[in-house]
Amino acid sequence: TPPAVDWTGSVNVASVDWRWPAPTRFTLFGLETFGYFDKVVFPL
């Protein structure tokens, strides 16, 4: 499941644009998934 943020409760915020850095492919038990190891910064 991808990360998600609910920005309810913010003040003087019209919107928050979320961008996704390029992921890494994980292959485990025949499953193909995409994500980030250890650390990541999502630009906003």
PDB file of all heavy atoms in Angstrom:
ATOM      1  N   THR A   1       0.853  -1.185   0.000  1.00  0.00           N
ATOM      2  CA  THR A   1       0.000   0.000   0.000  1.00  0.00           C
ATOM      3  C   THR A   1       0.887   1.232   0.000  1.00  0.00           C
ATOM      4  O   THR A   1       1.841   1.303   0.800  1.00  0.00           O
ATOM      5  CB  THR A   1      -0.904   0.013   1.240  1.00  0.00           C
ATOM      6  OG1 THR A   1      -1.705  -1.179   1.261  1.00  0.00           O
ATOM      7  CG2 THR A   1      -1.819   1.234   1.235  1.00  0.00           C
ATOM      8  N   PRO A   2       0.630   2.217  -0.848  1.00  0.00           N
ATOM      9  CA  PRO A   2       1.476   3.415  -0.854  1.00  0.00           C
ATOM     10  C   PRO A   2       1.205   4.305   0.352  1.00  0.00           C
ATOM     11  O   PRO A   2       0.105   4.281   0.916  1.00  0.00           O
ATOM     12  CB  PRO A   2       1.061   4.114  -2.153  1.00  0.00           C
ATOM     13  CG  PRO A   2      -0.343   3.670  -2.391  1.00  0.00           C
ATOM     14  CD  PRO A   2      -0.418   2.260  -1.890  1.00  0.00           C
ATOM     15  N   PRO A   3       2.198   5.096   0.799  1.00  0.00           N
ATOM     16  CA  PRO A   3       1.969   6.047   1.890  1.00  0.00           C
ATOM     17  C   PRO A   3       0.922   7.089   1.488  1.00  0.00           C
ATOM     18  O   PRO A   3       0.795   7.450   0.317  1.00  0.00           O
ATOM     19  CB  PRO A   3       3.347   6.695   2.096  1.00  0.00           C
ATOM     20  CG  PRO A   3       4.314   5.781   1.433  1.00  0.00           C
ATOM     21  CD  PRO A   3       3.588   5.123   0.317  1.00  0.00           C
ATOM     22  N   ALA A   4       0.183   7.578   2.467  1.00  0.00           N
ATOM     23  CA  ALA A   4      -0.837   8.597   2.225  1.00  0.00           C
ATOM     24  C   ALA A   4      -0.902   9.511   3.438  1.00  0.00           C
ATOM     25  O   ALA A   4      -0.684   9.077   4.578  1.00  0.00           O
ATOM     26  CB  ALA A   4      -2.195   7.959   1.952  1.00  0.00           C
ATOM     27  N   VAL A   5      -1.208  10.791   3.201  1.00  0.00           N
ATOM     28  CA  VAL A   5      -1.297  11.775   4.278  1.00  0.00           C
ATOM     29  C   VAL A   5      -2.640  12.495   4.182  1.00  0.00           C
ATOM     30  O   VAL A   5      -3.044  12.944   3.105  1.00  0.00           O
ATOM     31  CB  VAL A   5      -0.143  12.805   4.213  1.00  0.00           C
ATOM     32  CG1 VAL A   5      -0.310  13.854   5.303  1.00  0.00           C
ATOM     33  CG2 VAL A   5       1.206  12.114   4.367  1.00  0.00           C
ATOM     34  N   ASP A   6      -3.321  12.612   5.305  1.00  0.00           N
ATOM     35  CA  ASP A   6      -4.539  13.413   5.420  1.00  0.00           C
ATOM     36  C   ASP A   6      -4.145  14.759   6.008  1.00  0.00           C
ATOM     37  O   ASP A   6      -3.690  14.843   7.155  1.00  0.00           O
ATOM     38  CB  ASP A   6      -5.541  12.687   6.319  1.00  0.00           C
ATOM     39  CG  ASP A   6      -6.843  13.469   6.478  1.00  0.00           C
ATOM     40  OD1 ASP A   6      -7.001  14.514   5.802  1.00  0.00           O
ATOM     41  OD2 ASP A   6      -7.694  13.043   7.286  1.00  0.00           O
ATOM     42  N   TRP A   7      -4.306  15.815   5.206  1.00  0.00           N
ATOM     43  CA  TRP A   7      -3.866  17.152   5.618  1.00  0.00           C
ATOM     44  C   TRP A   7      -4.959  17.930   6.348  1.00  0.00           C
ATOM     45  O   TRP A   7      -4.843  19.146   6.528  1.00  0.00           O
ATOM     46  CB  TRP A   7      -3.392  17.953   4.407  1.00  0.00           C
ATOM     47  CG  TRP A   7      -2.260  17.311   3.672  1.00  0.00           C
ATOM     48  CD1 TRP A   7      -2.294  16.717   2.456  1.00  0.00           C
ATOM     49  CD2 TRP A   7      -0.896  17.189   4.124  1.00  0.00           C
ATOM     50  NE1 TRP A   7      -1.072  16.225   2.094  1.00  0.00           N
ATOM     51  CE2 TRP A   7      -0.174  16.511   3.100  1.00  0.00           C
ATOM     52  CE3 TRP A   7      -0.214  17.584   5.279  1.00  0.00           C
ATOM     53  CZ2 TRP A   7       1.182  16.226   3.209  1.00  0.00           C
ATOM     54  CZ3 TRP A   7       1.137  17.292   5.389  1.00  0.00           C
ATOM     55  CH2 TRP A   7       1.818  16.625   4.360  1.00  0.00           C
ATOM     56  N   THR A   8      -6.016  17.274   6.760  1.00  0.00           N
ATOM     57  CA  THR A   8      -7.089  17.939   7.492  1.00  0.00           C
ATOM     58  C   THR A   8      -6.528  18.546   8.779  1.00  0.00           C
ATOM     59  O   THR A   8      -5.764  17.908   9.503  1.00  0.00           O
ATOM     60  CB  THR A   8      -8.208  16.944   7.833  1.00  0.00           C
ATOM     61  OG1 THR A   8      -8.689  16.359   6.623  1.00  0.00           O
ATOM     62  CG2 THR A   8      -9.348  17.627   8.548  1.00  0.00           C
ATOM     63  N   GLY A   9      -6.942  19.781   9.069  1.00  0.00           N
ATOM     64  CA  GLY A   9      -6.455  20.464  10.260  1.00  0.00           C
ATOM     65  C   GLY A   9      -5.393  21.497   9.969  1.00  0.00           C
ATOM     66  O   GLY A   9      -5.006  22.256  10.870  1.00  0.00           O
ATOM     67  N   SER A  10      -4.899  21.553   8.721  1.00  0.00           N
ATOM     68  CA  SER A  10      -3.905  22.564   8.364  1.00  0.00           C
ATOM     69  C   SER A  10      -4.551  23.938   8.277  1.00  0.00           C
ATOM     70  O   SER A  10      -5.741  24.073   7.992  1.00  0.00           O
ATOM     71  CB  SER A  10      -3.252  22.205   7.034  1.00  0.00           C
ATOM     72  OG  SER A  10      -2.596  20.959   7.104  1.00  0.00           O
ATOM     73  N   VAL A  11      -3.749  24.979   8.518  1.00  0.00           N
ATOM     74  CA  VAL A  11      -4.220  26.362   8.502  1.00  0.00           C
ATOM     75  C   VAL A  11      -3.460  27.127   7.427  1.00  0.00           C
ATOM     76  O   VAL A  11      -2.232  27.030   7.337  1.00  0.00           O
ATOM     77  CB  VAL A  11      -4.029  27.026   9.881  1.00  0.00           C
ATOM     78  CG1 VAL A  11      -4.497  28.476   9.834  1.00  0.00           C
ATOM     79  CG2 VAL A  11      -4.783  26.259  10.961  1.00  0.00           C
ATOM     80  N   ASN A  12      -4.198  27.886   6.634  1.00  0.00           N
ATOM     81  CA  ASN A  12      -3.636  28.683   5.537  1.00  0.00           C
ATOM     82  C   ASN A  12      -2.940  27.787   4.513  1.00  0.00           C
ATOM     83  O   ASN A  12      -1.882  28.126   3.980  1.00  0.00           O
ATOM     84  CB  ASN A  12      -2.663  29.744   6.059  1.00  0.00           C
ATOM     85  CG  ASN A  12      -2.297  30.767   4.982  1.00  0.00           C
ATOM     86  OD1 ASN A  12      -3.045  30.972   4.024  1.00  0.00           O
ATOM     87  ND2 ASN A  12      -1.147  31.400   5.137  1.00  0.00           N
ATOM     88  N   VAL A  13      -3.536  26.636   4.245  1.00  0.00           N
ATOM     89  CA  VAL A  13      -3.014  25.705   3.249  1.00  0.00           C
ATOM     90  C   VAL A  13      -4.122  25.378   2.260  1.00  0.00           C
ATOM     91  O   VAL A  13      -5.145  24.796   2.635  1.00  0.00           O
ATOM     92  CB  VAL A  13      -2.498  24.409   3.913  1.00  0.00           C
ATOM     93  CG1 VAL A  13      -2.074  23.402   2.845  1.00  0.00           C
ATOM     94  CG2 VAL A  13      -1.324  24.714   4.840  1.00  0.00           C
ATOM     95  N   ALA A  14      -3.933  25.788   0.996  1.00  0.00           N
ATOM     96  CA  ALA A  14      -4.923  25.495  -0.037  1.00  0.00           C
ATOM     97  C   ALA A  14      -4.782  24.078  -0.555  1.00  0.00           C
ATOM     98  O   ALA A  14      -5.767  23.380  -0.788  1.00  0.00           O
ATOM     99  CB  ALA A  14      -4.804  26.498  -1.190  1.00  0.00           C
ATOM    100  N   SER A  15      -3.539  23.625  -0.747  1.00  0.00           N
ATOM    101  CA  SER A  15      -3.297  22.269  -1.249  1.00  0.00           C
ATOM    102  C   SER A  15      -1.849  21.899  -0.982  1.00  0.00           C
ATOM    103  O   SER A  15      -0.999  22.764  -0.705  1.00  0.00           O
ATOM    104  CB  SER A  15      -3.605  22.160  -2.748  1.00  0.00           C
ATOM    105  OG  SER A  15      -2.741  23.006  -3.499  1.00  0.00           O
ATOM    106  N   VAL A  16      -1.591  20.598  -1.056  1.00  0.00           N
ATOM    107  CA  VAL A  16      -0.225  20.075  -0.915  1.00  0.00           C
ATOM    108  C   VAL A  16       0.023  19.140  -2.085  1.00  0.00           C
ATOM    109  O   VAL A  16      -0.653  18.116  -2.231  1.00  0.00           O
ATOM    110  CB  VAL A  16      -0.037  19.326   0.419  1.00  0.00           C
ATOM    111  CG1 VAL A  16       1.388  18.772   0.504  1.00  0.00           C
ATOM    112  CG2 VAL A  16      -0.311  20.250   1.604  1.00  0.00           C
ATOM    113  N   ASP A  17       0.975  19.507  -2.945  1.00  0.00           N
ATOM    114  CA  ASP A  17       1.328  18.691  -4.109  1.00  0.00           C
ATOM    115  C   ASP A  17       2.410  17.700  -3.703  1.00  0.00           C
ATOM    116  O   ASP A  17       3.480  18.083  -3.233  1.00  0.00           O
ATOM    117  CB  ASP A  17       1.819  19.593  -5.243  1.00  0.00           C
ATOM    118  CG  ASP A  17       2.259  18.788  -6.463  1.00  0.00           C
ATOM    119  OD1 ASP A  17       1.662  17.726  -6.714  1.00  0.00           O
ATOM    120  OD2 ASP A  17       3.214  19.203  -7.149  1.00  0.00           O
ATOM    121  N   TRP A  18       2.113  16.406  -3.879  1.00  0.00           N
ATOM    122  CA  TRP A  18       3.018  15.309  -3.484  1.00  0.00           C
ATOM    123  C   TRP A  18       3.659  14.747  -4.739  1.00  0.00           C
ATOM    124  O   TRP A  18       2.983  14.418  -5.700  1.00  0.00           O
ATOM    125  CB  TRP A  18       2.186  14.236  -2.774  1.00  0.00           C
ATOM    126  CG  TRP A  18       2.919  13.013  -2.315  1.00  0.00           C
ATOM    127  CD1 TRP A  18       3.689  12.178  -3.071  1.00  0.00           C
ATOM    128  CD2 TRP A  18       2.917  12.458  -0.996  1.00  0.00           C
ATOM    129  NE1 TRP A  18       4.164  11.142  -2.319  1.00  0.00           N
ATOM    130  CE2 TRP A  18       3.713  11.285  -1.033  1.00  0.00           C
ATOM    131  CE3 TRP A  18       2.323  12.814   0.205  1.00  0.00           C
ATOM    132  CZ2 TRP A  18       3.918  10.481   0.082  1.00  0.00           C
ATOM    133  CZ3 TRP A  18       2.539  12.023   1.311  1.00  0.00           C
ATOM    134  CH2 TRP A  18       3.313  10.882   1.266  1.00  0.00           C
ATOM    135  N   ARG A  19       4.994  14.611  -4.734  1.00  0.00           N
ATOM    136  CA  ARG A  19       5.715  14.012  -5.856  1.00  0.00           C
ATOM    137  C   ARG A  19       6.472  12.776  -5.392  1.00  0.00           C
ATOM    138  O   ARG A  19       6.912  12.701  -4.243  1.00  0.00           O
ATOM    139  CB  ARG A  19       6.661  15.027  -6.486  1.00  0.00           C
ATOM    140  CG  ARG A  19       5.959  16.003  -7.425  1.00  0.00           C
ATOM    141  CD  ARG A  19       6.770  17.251  -7.644  1.00  0.00           C
ATOM    142  NE  ARG A  19       6.849  18.030  -6.416  1.00  0.00           N
ATOM    143  CZ  ARG A  19       7.733  19.005  -6.222  1.00  0.00           C
ATOM    144  NH1 ARG A  19       8.622  19.287  -7.158  1.00  0.00           N
ATOM    145  NH2 ARG A  19       7.738  19.680  -5.090  1.00  0.00           N
ATOM    146  N   TRP A  20       6.627  11.818  -6.333  1.00  0.00           N
ATOM    147  CA  TRP A  20       7.185  10.510  -6.013  1.00  0.00           C
ATOM    148  C   TRP A  20       8.548  10.333  -6.687  1.00  0.00           C
ATOM    149  O   TRP A  20       8.627  10.286  -7.908  1.00  0.00           O
ATOM    150  CB  TRP A  20       6.250   9.407  -6.501  1.00  0.00           C
ATOM    151  CG  TRP A  20       4.886   9.452  -5.880  1.00  0.00           C
ATOM    152  CD1 TRP A  20       3.819  10.174  -6.314  1.00  0.00           C
ATOM    153  CD2 TRP A  20       4.451   8.743  -4.714  1.00  0.00           C
ATOM    154  NE1 TRP A  20       2.734   9.955  -5.498  1.00  0.00           N
ATOM    155  CE2 TRP A  20       3.090   9.085  -4.502  1.00  0.00           C
ATOM    156  CE3 TRP A  20       5.066   7.840  -3.844  1.00  0.00           C
ATOM    157  CZ2 TRP A  20       2.349   8.560  -3.448  1.00  0.00           C
ATOM    158  CZ3 TRP A  20       4.336   7.324  -2.800  1.00  0.00           C
ATOM    159  CH2 TRP A  20       2.992   7.681  -2.599  1.00  0.00           C
ATOM    160  N   PRO A  21       9.622  10.225  -5.912  1.00  0.00           N
ATOM    161  CA  PRO A  21      10.913   9.871  -6.522  1.00  0.00           C
ATOM    162  C   PRO A  21      10.835   8.495  -7.188  1.00  0.00           C
ATOM    163  O   PRO A  21       9.989   7.662  -6.850  1.00  0.00           O
ATOM    164  CB  PRO A  21      11.870   9.852  -5.322  1.00  0.00           C
ATOM    165  CG  PRO A  21      11.197  10.696  -4.284  1.00  0.00           C
ATOM    166  CD  PRO A  21       9.732  10.496  -4.478  1.00  0.00           C
ATOM    167  N   ALA A  22      11.713   8.267  -8.157  1.00  0.00           N
ATOM    168  CA  ALA A  22      11.727   6.987  -8.861  1.00  0.00           C
ATOM    169  C   ALA A  22      11.970   5.848  -7.875  1.00  0.00           C
ATOM    170  O   ALA A  22      12.838   5.940  -7.012  1.00  0.00           O
ATOM    171  CB  ALA A  22      12.812   6.998  -9.930  1.00  0.00           C
ATOM    172  N   PRO A  23      11.222   4.750  -8.001  1.00  0.00           N
ATOM    173  CA  PRO A  23      11.319   3.661  -7.030  1.00  0.00           C
ATOM    174  C   PRO A  23      12.362   2.621  -7.434  1.00  0.00           C
ATOM    175  O   PRO A  23      12.975   2.680  -8.503  1.00  0.00           O
ATOM    176  CB  PRO A  23       9.915   3.058  -7.066  1.00  0.00           C
ATOM    177  CG  PRO A  23       9.515   3.211  -8.506  1.00  0.00           C
ATOM    178  CD  PRO A  23      10.136   4.512  -8.973  1.00  0.00           C
ATOM    179  N   THR A  24      12.525   1.635  -6.573  1.00  0.00           N
ATOM    180  CA  THR A  24      13.338   0.445  -6.829  1.00  0.00           C
ATOM    181  C   THR A  24      12.410  -0.755  -6.960  1.00  0.00           C
ATOM    182  O   THR A  24      11.413  -0.852  -6.248  1.00  0.00           O
ATOM    183  CB  THR A  24      14.337   0.226  -5.684  1.00  0.00           C
ATOM    184  OG1 THR A  24      15.201   1.358  -5.587  1.00  0.00           O
ATOM    185  CG2 THR A  24      15.168  -1.031  -5.918  1.00  0.00           C
ATOM    186  N   ARG A  25      12.731  -1.670  -7.876  1.00  0.00           N
ATOM    187  CA  ARG A  25      11.928  -2.891  -8.039  1.00  0.00           C
ATOM    188  C   ARG A  25      12.382  -3.940  -7.026  1.00  0.00           C
ATOM    189  O   ARG A  25      13.569  -4.235  -6.899  1.00  0.00           O
ATOM    190  CB  ARG A  25      12.081  -3.445  -9.456  1.00  0.00           C
ATOM    191  CG  ARG A  25      11.271  -4.728  -9.707  1.00  0.00           C
ATOM    192  CD  ARG A  25      11.609  -5.314 -11.062  1.00  0.00           C
ATOM    193  NE  ARG A  25      11.142  -4.484 -12.150  1.00  0.00           N
ATOM    194  CZ  ARG A  25       9.941  -4.604 -12.729  1.00  0.00           C
ATOM    195  NH1 ARG A  25       9.095  -5.544 -12.311  1.00  0.00           N
ATOM    196  NH2 ARG A  25       9.595  -3.814 -13.719  1.00  0.00           N
ATOM    197  N   PHE A  26      11.403  -4.523  -6.299  1.00  0.00           N
ATOM    198  CA  PHE A  26      11.670  -5.617  -5.375  1.00  0.00           C
ATOM    199  C   PHE A  26      11.041  -6.883  -5.950  1.00  0.00           C
ATOM    200  O   PHE A  26       9.881  -6.867  -6.353  1.00  0.00           O
ATOM    201  CB  PHE A  26      11.059  -5.363  -3.992  1.00  0.00           C
ATOM    202  CG  PHE A  26      11.416  -4.033  -3.389  1.00  0.00           C
ATOM    203  CD1 PHE A  26      10.486  -3.318  -2.642  1.00  0.00           C
ATOM    204  CD2 PHE A  26      12.668  -3.488  -3.565  1.00  0.00           C
ATOM    205  CE1 PHE A  26      10.806  -2.087  -2.090  1.00  0.00           C
ATOM    206  CE2 PHE A  26      13.003  -2.264  -3.018  1.00  0.00           C
ATOM    207  CZ  PHE A  26      12.068  -1.561  -2.271  1.00  0.00           C
ATOM    208  N   THR A  27      11.790  -7.982  -5.974  1.00  0.00           N
ATOM    209  CA  THR A  27      11.260  -9.274  -6.409  1.00  0.00           C
ATOM    210  C   THR A  27      11.396 -10.260  -5.265  1.00  0.00           C
ATOM    211  O   THR A  27      12.513 -10.530  -4.806  1.00  0.00           O
ATOM    212  CB  THR A  27      12.004  -9.797  -7.648  1.00  0.00           C
ATOM    213  OG1 THR A  27      11.897  -8.827  -8.702  1.00  0.00           O
ATOM    214  CG2 THR A  27      11.397 -11.108  -8.119  1.00  0.00           C
ATOM    215  N   LEU A  28      10.279 -10.780  -4.781  1.00  0.00           N
ATOM    216  CA  LEU A  28      10.293 -11.698  -3.655  1.00  0.00           C
ATOM    217  C   LEU A  28       9.165 -12.707  -3.815  1.00  0.00           C
ATOM    218  O   LEU A  28       7.992 -12.321  -3.974  1.00  0.00           O
ATOM    219  CB  LEU A  28      10.129 -10.936  -2.334  1.00  0.00           C
ATOM    220  CG  LEU A  28      10.225 -11.767  -1.049  1.00  0.00           C
ATOM    221  CD1 LEU A  28      11.620 -12.369  -0.909  1.00  0.00           C
ATOM    222  CD2 LEU A  28       9.895 -10.901   0.166  1.00  0.00           C
ATOM    223  N   PHE A  29       9.529 -13.989  -3.801  1.00  0.00           N
ATOM    224  CA  PHE A  29       8.554 -15.079  -3.929  1.00  0.00           C
ATOM    225  C   PHE A  29       7.694 -14.939  -5.188  1.00  0.00           C
ATOM    226  O   PHE A  29       6.500 -15.223  -5.184  1.00  0.00           O
ATOM    227  CB  PHE A  29       7.660 -15.156  -2.695  1.00  0.00           C
ATOM    228  CG  PHE A  29       8.412 -15.352  -1.410  1.00  0.00           C
ATOM    229  CD1 PHE A  29       8.288 -14.431  -0.367  1.00  0.00           C
ATOM    230  CD2 PHE A  29       9.258 -16.444  -1.250  1.00  0.00           C
ATOM    231  CE1 PHE A  29       8.986 -14.610   0.819  1.00  0.00           C
ATOM    232  CE2 PHE A  29       9.962 -16.623  -0.056  1.00  0.00           C
ATOM    233  CZ  PHE A  29       9.827 -15.708   0.973  1.00  0.00           C
ATOM    234  N   GLY A  30       8.307 -14.455  -6.265  1.00  0.00           N
ATOM    235  CA  GLY A  30       7.586 -14.294  -7.517  1.00  0.00           C
ATOM    236  C   GLY A  30       6.734 -13.049  -7.599  1.00  0.00           C
ATOM    237  O   GLY A  30       6.076 -12.822  -8.617  1.00  0.00           O
ATOM    238  N   LEU A  31       6.723 -12.215  -6.549  1.00  0.00           N
ATOM    239  CA  LEU A  31       5.942 -10.976  -6.547  1.00  0.00           C
ATOM    240  C   LEU A  31       6.839  -9.806  -6.939  1.00  0.00           C
ATOM    241  O   LEU A  31       7.987  -9.697  -6.486  1.00  0.00           O
ATOM    242  CB  LEU A  31       5.325 -10.721  -5.169  1.00  0.00           C
ATOM    243  CG  LEU A  31       4.362 -11.785  -4.639  1.00  0.00           C
ATOM    244  CD1 LEU A  31       3.901 -11.424  -3.232  1.00  0.00           C
ATOM    245  CD2 LEU A  31       3.156 -11.940  -5.561  1.00  0.00           C
ATOM    246  N   GLU A  32       6.304  -8.925  -7.784  1.00  0.00           N
ATOM    247  CA  GLU A  32       7.021  -7.728  -8.217  1.00  0.00           C
ATOM    248  C   GLU A  32       6.407  -6.517  -7.525  1.00  0.00           C
ATOM    249  O   GLU A  32       5.225  -6.212  -7.715  1.00  0.00           O
ATOM    250  CB  GLU A  32       6.934  -7.568  -9.737  1.00  0.00           C
ATOM    251  CG  GLU A  32       7.516  -8.722 -10.531  1.00  0.00           C
ATOM    252  CD  GLU A  32       9.027  -8.790 -10.468  1.00  0.00           C
ATOM    253  OE1 GLU A  32       9.655  -7.725 -10.285  1.00  0.00           O
ATOM    254  OE2 GLU A  32       9.577  -9.896 -10.595  1.00  0.00           O
ATOM    255  N   THR A  33       7.206  -5.835  -6.691  1.00  0.00           N
ATOM    256  CA  THR A  33       6.730  -4.638  -6.011  1.00  0.00           C
ATOM    257  C   THR A  33       7.737  -3.509  -6.221  1.00  0.00           C
ATOM    258  O   THR A  33       8.883  -3.733  -6.615  1.00  0.00           O
ATOM    259  CB  THR A  33       6.522  -4.890  -4.513  1.00  0.00           C
ATOM    260  OG1 THR A  33       7.759  -5.343  -3.935  1.00  0.00           O
ATOM    261  CG2 THR A  33       5.443  -5.945  -4.282  1.00  0.00           C
ATOM    262  N   PHE A  34       7.312  -2.267  -5.912  1.00  0.00           N
ATOM    263  CA  PHE A  34       8.133  -1.086  -6.156  1.00  0.00           C
ATOM    264  C   PHE A  34       8.091  -0.193  -4.928  1.00  0.00           C
ATOM    265  O   PHE A  34       7.022   0.045  -4.356  1.00  0.00           O
ATOM    266  CB  PHE A  34       7.615  -0.315  -7.377  1.00  0.00           C
ATOM    267  CG  PHE A  34       7.357  -1.189  -8.564  1.00  0.00           C
ATOM    268  CD1 PHE A  34       6.066  -1.571  -8.896  1.00  0.00           C
ATOM    269  CD2 PHE A  34       8.403  -1.663  -9.342  1.00  0.00           C
ATOM    270  CE1 PHE A  34       5.819  -2.388  -9.976  1.00  0.00           C
ATOM    271  CE2 PHE A  34       8.167  -2.491 -10.419  1.00  0.00           C
ATOM    272  CZ  PHE A  34       6.877  -2.851 -10.738  1.00  0.00           C
ATOM    273  N   GLY A  35       9.268   0.308  -4.513  1.00  0.00           N
ATOM    274  CA  GLY A  35       9.283   1.160  -3.331  1.00  0.00           C
ATOM    275  C   GLY A  35      10.660   1.692  -3.020  1.00  0.00           C
ATOM    276  O   GLY A  35      11.510   1.869  -3.900  1.00  0.00           O
ATOM    277  N   TYR A  36      10.918   1.921  -1.707  1.00  0.00           N
ATOM    278  CA  TYR A  36      12.119   2.606  -1.247  1.00  0.00           C
ATOM    279  C   TYR A  36      12.703   1.862  -0.049  1.00  0.00           C
ATOM    280  O   TYR A  36      11.983   1.497   0.880  1.00  0.00           O
ATOM    281  CB  TYR A  36      11.797   4.050  -0.842  1.00  0.00           C
ATOM    282  CG  TYR A  36      10.982   4.799  -1.865  1.00  0.00           C
ATOM    283  CD1 TYR A  36       9.591   4.865  -1.755  1.00  0.00           C
ATOM    284  CD2 TYR A  36      11.587   5.435  -2.950  1.00  0.00           C
ATOM    285  CE1 TYR A  36       8.830   5.547  -2.694  1.00  0.00           C
ATOM    286  CE2 TYR A  36      10.833   6.117  -3.890  1.00  0.00           C
ATOM    287  CZ  TYR A  36       9.456   6.170  -3.760  1.00  0.00           C
ATOM    288  OH  TYR A  36       8.704   6.837  -4.687  1.00  0.00           O
ATOM    289  N   PHE A  37      14.024   1.677  -0.076  1.00  0.00           N
ATOM    290  CA  PHE A  37      14.739   1.044   1.023  1.00  0.00           C
ATOM    291  C   PHE A  37      15.208   2.092   2.031  1.00  0.00           C
ATOM    292  O   PHE A  37      15.692   3.170   1.654  1.00  0.00           O
ATOM    293  CB  PHE A  37      15.974   0.293   0.519  1.00  0.00           C
ATOM    294  CG  PHE A  37      15.720  -1.147   0.184  1.00  0.00           C
ATOM    295  CD1 PHE A  37      16.032  -1.642  -1.072  1.00  0.00           C
ATOM    296  CD2 PHE A  37      15.199  -2.007   1.130  1.00  0.00           C
ATOM    297  CE1 PHE A  37      15.819  -2.973  -1.387  1.00  0.00           C
ATOM    298  CE2 PHE A  37      14.974  -3.347   0.827  1.00  0.00           C
ATOM    299  CZ  PHE A  37      15.283  -3.828  -0.433  1.00  0.00           C
ATOM    300  N   ASP A  38      15.078   1.820   3.296  1.00  0.00           N
ATOM    301  CA  ASP A  38      15.728   2.517   4.407  1.00  0.00           C
ATOM    302  C   ASP A  38      15.271   3.964   4.606  1.00  0.00           C
ATOM    303  O   ASP A  38      14.893   4.350   5.709  1.00  0.00           O
ATOM    304  CB  ASP A  38      17.248   2.485   4.276  1.00  0.00           C
ATOM    305  CG  ASP A  38      17.788   1.063   4.290  1.00  0.00           C
ATOM    306  OD1 ASP A  38      17.104   0.176   4.843  1.00  0.00           O
ATOM    307  OD2 ASP A  38      18.879   0.834   3.732  1.00  0.00           O
ATOM    308  N   LYS A  39      15.311   4.792   3.560  1.00  0.00           N
ATOM    309  CA  LYS A  39      14.961   6.206   3.747  1.00  0.00           C
ATOM    310  C   LYS A  39      14.500   6.805   2.427  1.00  0.00           C
ATOM    311  O   LYS A  39      14.861   6.331   1.349  1.00  0.00           O
ATOM    312  CB  LYS A  39      16.156   6.993   4.283  1.00  0.00           C
ATOM    313  CG  LYS A  39      17.366   6.966   3.358  1.00  0.00           C
ATOM    314  CD  LYS A  39      18.549   7.671   3.982  1.00  0.00           C
ATOM    315  CE  LYS A  39      19.789   7.593   3.079  1.00  0.00           C
ATOM    316  NZ  LYS A  39      20.947   8.272   3.667  1.00  0.00           N
ATOM    317  N   VAL A  40      13.727   7.871   2.529  1.00  0.00           N
ATOM    318  CA  VAL A  40      13.242   8.577   1.347  1.00  0.00           C
ATOM    319  C   VAL A  40      12.720   9.941   1.792  1.00  0.00           C
ATOM    320  O   VAL A  40      12.304  10.117   2.949  1.00  0.00           O
ATOM    321  CB  VAL A  40      12.119   7.772   0.640  1.00  0.00           C
ATOM    322  CG1 VAL A  40      10.885   7.646   1.524  1.00  0.00           C
ATOM    323  CG2 VAL A  40      11.758   8.401  -0.700  1.00  0.00           C
ATOM    324  N   VAL A  41      12.788  10.907   0.888  1.00  0.00           N
ATOM    325  CA  VAL A  41      12.165  12.212   1.086  1.00  0.00           C
ATOM    326  C   VAL A  41      11.181  12.422  -0.059  1.00  0.00           C
ATOM    327  O   VAL A  41      11.579  12.412  -1.231  1.00  0.00           O
ATOM    328  CB  VAL A  41      13.190  13.358   1.128  1.00  0.00           C
ATOM    329  CG1 VAL A  41      12.479  14.706   1.214  1.00  0.00           C
ATOM    330  CG2 VAL A  41      14.137  13.188   2.304  1.00  0.00           C
ATOM    331  N   PHE A  42       9.914  12.607   0.268  1.00  0.00           N
ATOM    332  CA  PHE A  42       8.907  12.896  -0.742  1.00  0.00           C
ATOM    333  C   PHE A  42       8.813  14.419  -0.908  1.00  0.00           C
ATOM    334  O   PHE A  42       8.412  15.116   0.032  1.00  0.00           O
ATOM    335  CB  PHE A  42       7.542  12.337  -0.327  1.00  0.00           C
ATOM    336  CG  PHE A  42       7.518  10.840  -0.188  1.00  0.00           C
ATOM    337  CD1 PHE A  42       7.526  10.252   1.061  1.00  0.00           C
ATOM    338  CD2 PHE A  42       7.482  10.028  -1.305  1.00  0.00           C
ATOM    339  CE1 PHE A  42       7.500   8.871   1.197  1.00  0.00           C
ATOM    340  CE2 PHE A  42       7.457   8.643  -1.191  1.00  0.00           C
ATOM    341  CZ  PHE A  42       7.473   8.068   0.072  1.00  0.00           C
ATOM    342  N   PRO A  43       9.200  14.959  -2.070  1.00  0.00           N
ATOM    343  CA  PRO A  43       9.098  16.403  -2.261  1.00  0.00           C
ATOM    344  C   PRO A  43       7.644  16.872  -2.226  1.00  0.00           C
ATOM    345  O   PRO A  43       6.761  16.227  -2.796  1.00  0.00           O
ATOM    346  CB  PRO A  43       9.726  16.631  -3.645  1.00  0.00           C
ATOM    347  CG  PRO A  43      10.568  15.419  -3.884  1.00  0.00           C
ATOM    348  CD  PRO A  43       9.843  14.286  -3.209  1.00  0.00           C
ATOM    349  N   LEU A  44       7.407  17.979  -1.550  1.00  0.00           N
ATOM    350  CA  LEU A  44       6.072  18.559  -1.418  1.00  0.00           C
ATOM    351  C   LEU A  44       6.103  20.019  -1.867  1.00  0.00           C
ATOM    352  O   LEU A  44       7.120  20.698  -1.730  1.00  0.00           O
ATOM    353  CB  LEU A  44       5.579  18.494   0.031  1.00  0.00           C
ATOM    354  CG  LEU A  44       5.615  17.141   0.741  1.00  0.00           C
ATOM    355  CD1 LEU A  44       5.247  17.333   2.210  1.00  0.00           C
ATOM    356  CD2 LEU A  44       4.681  16.155   0.075  1.00  0.00           C
TER     357      LEU A  44
END
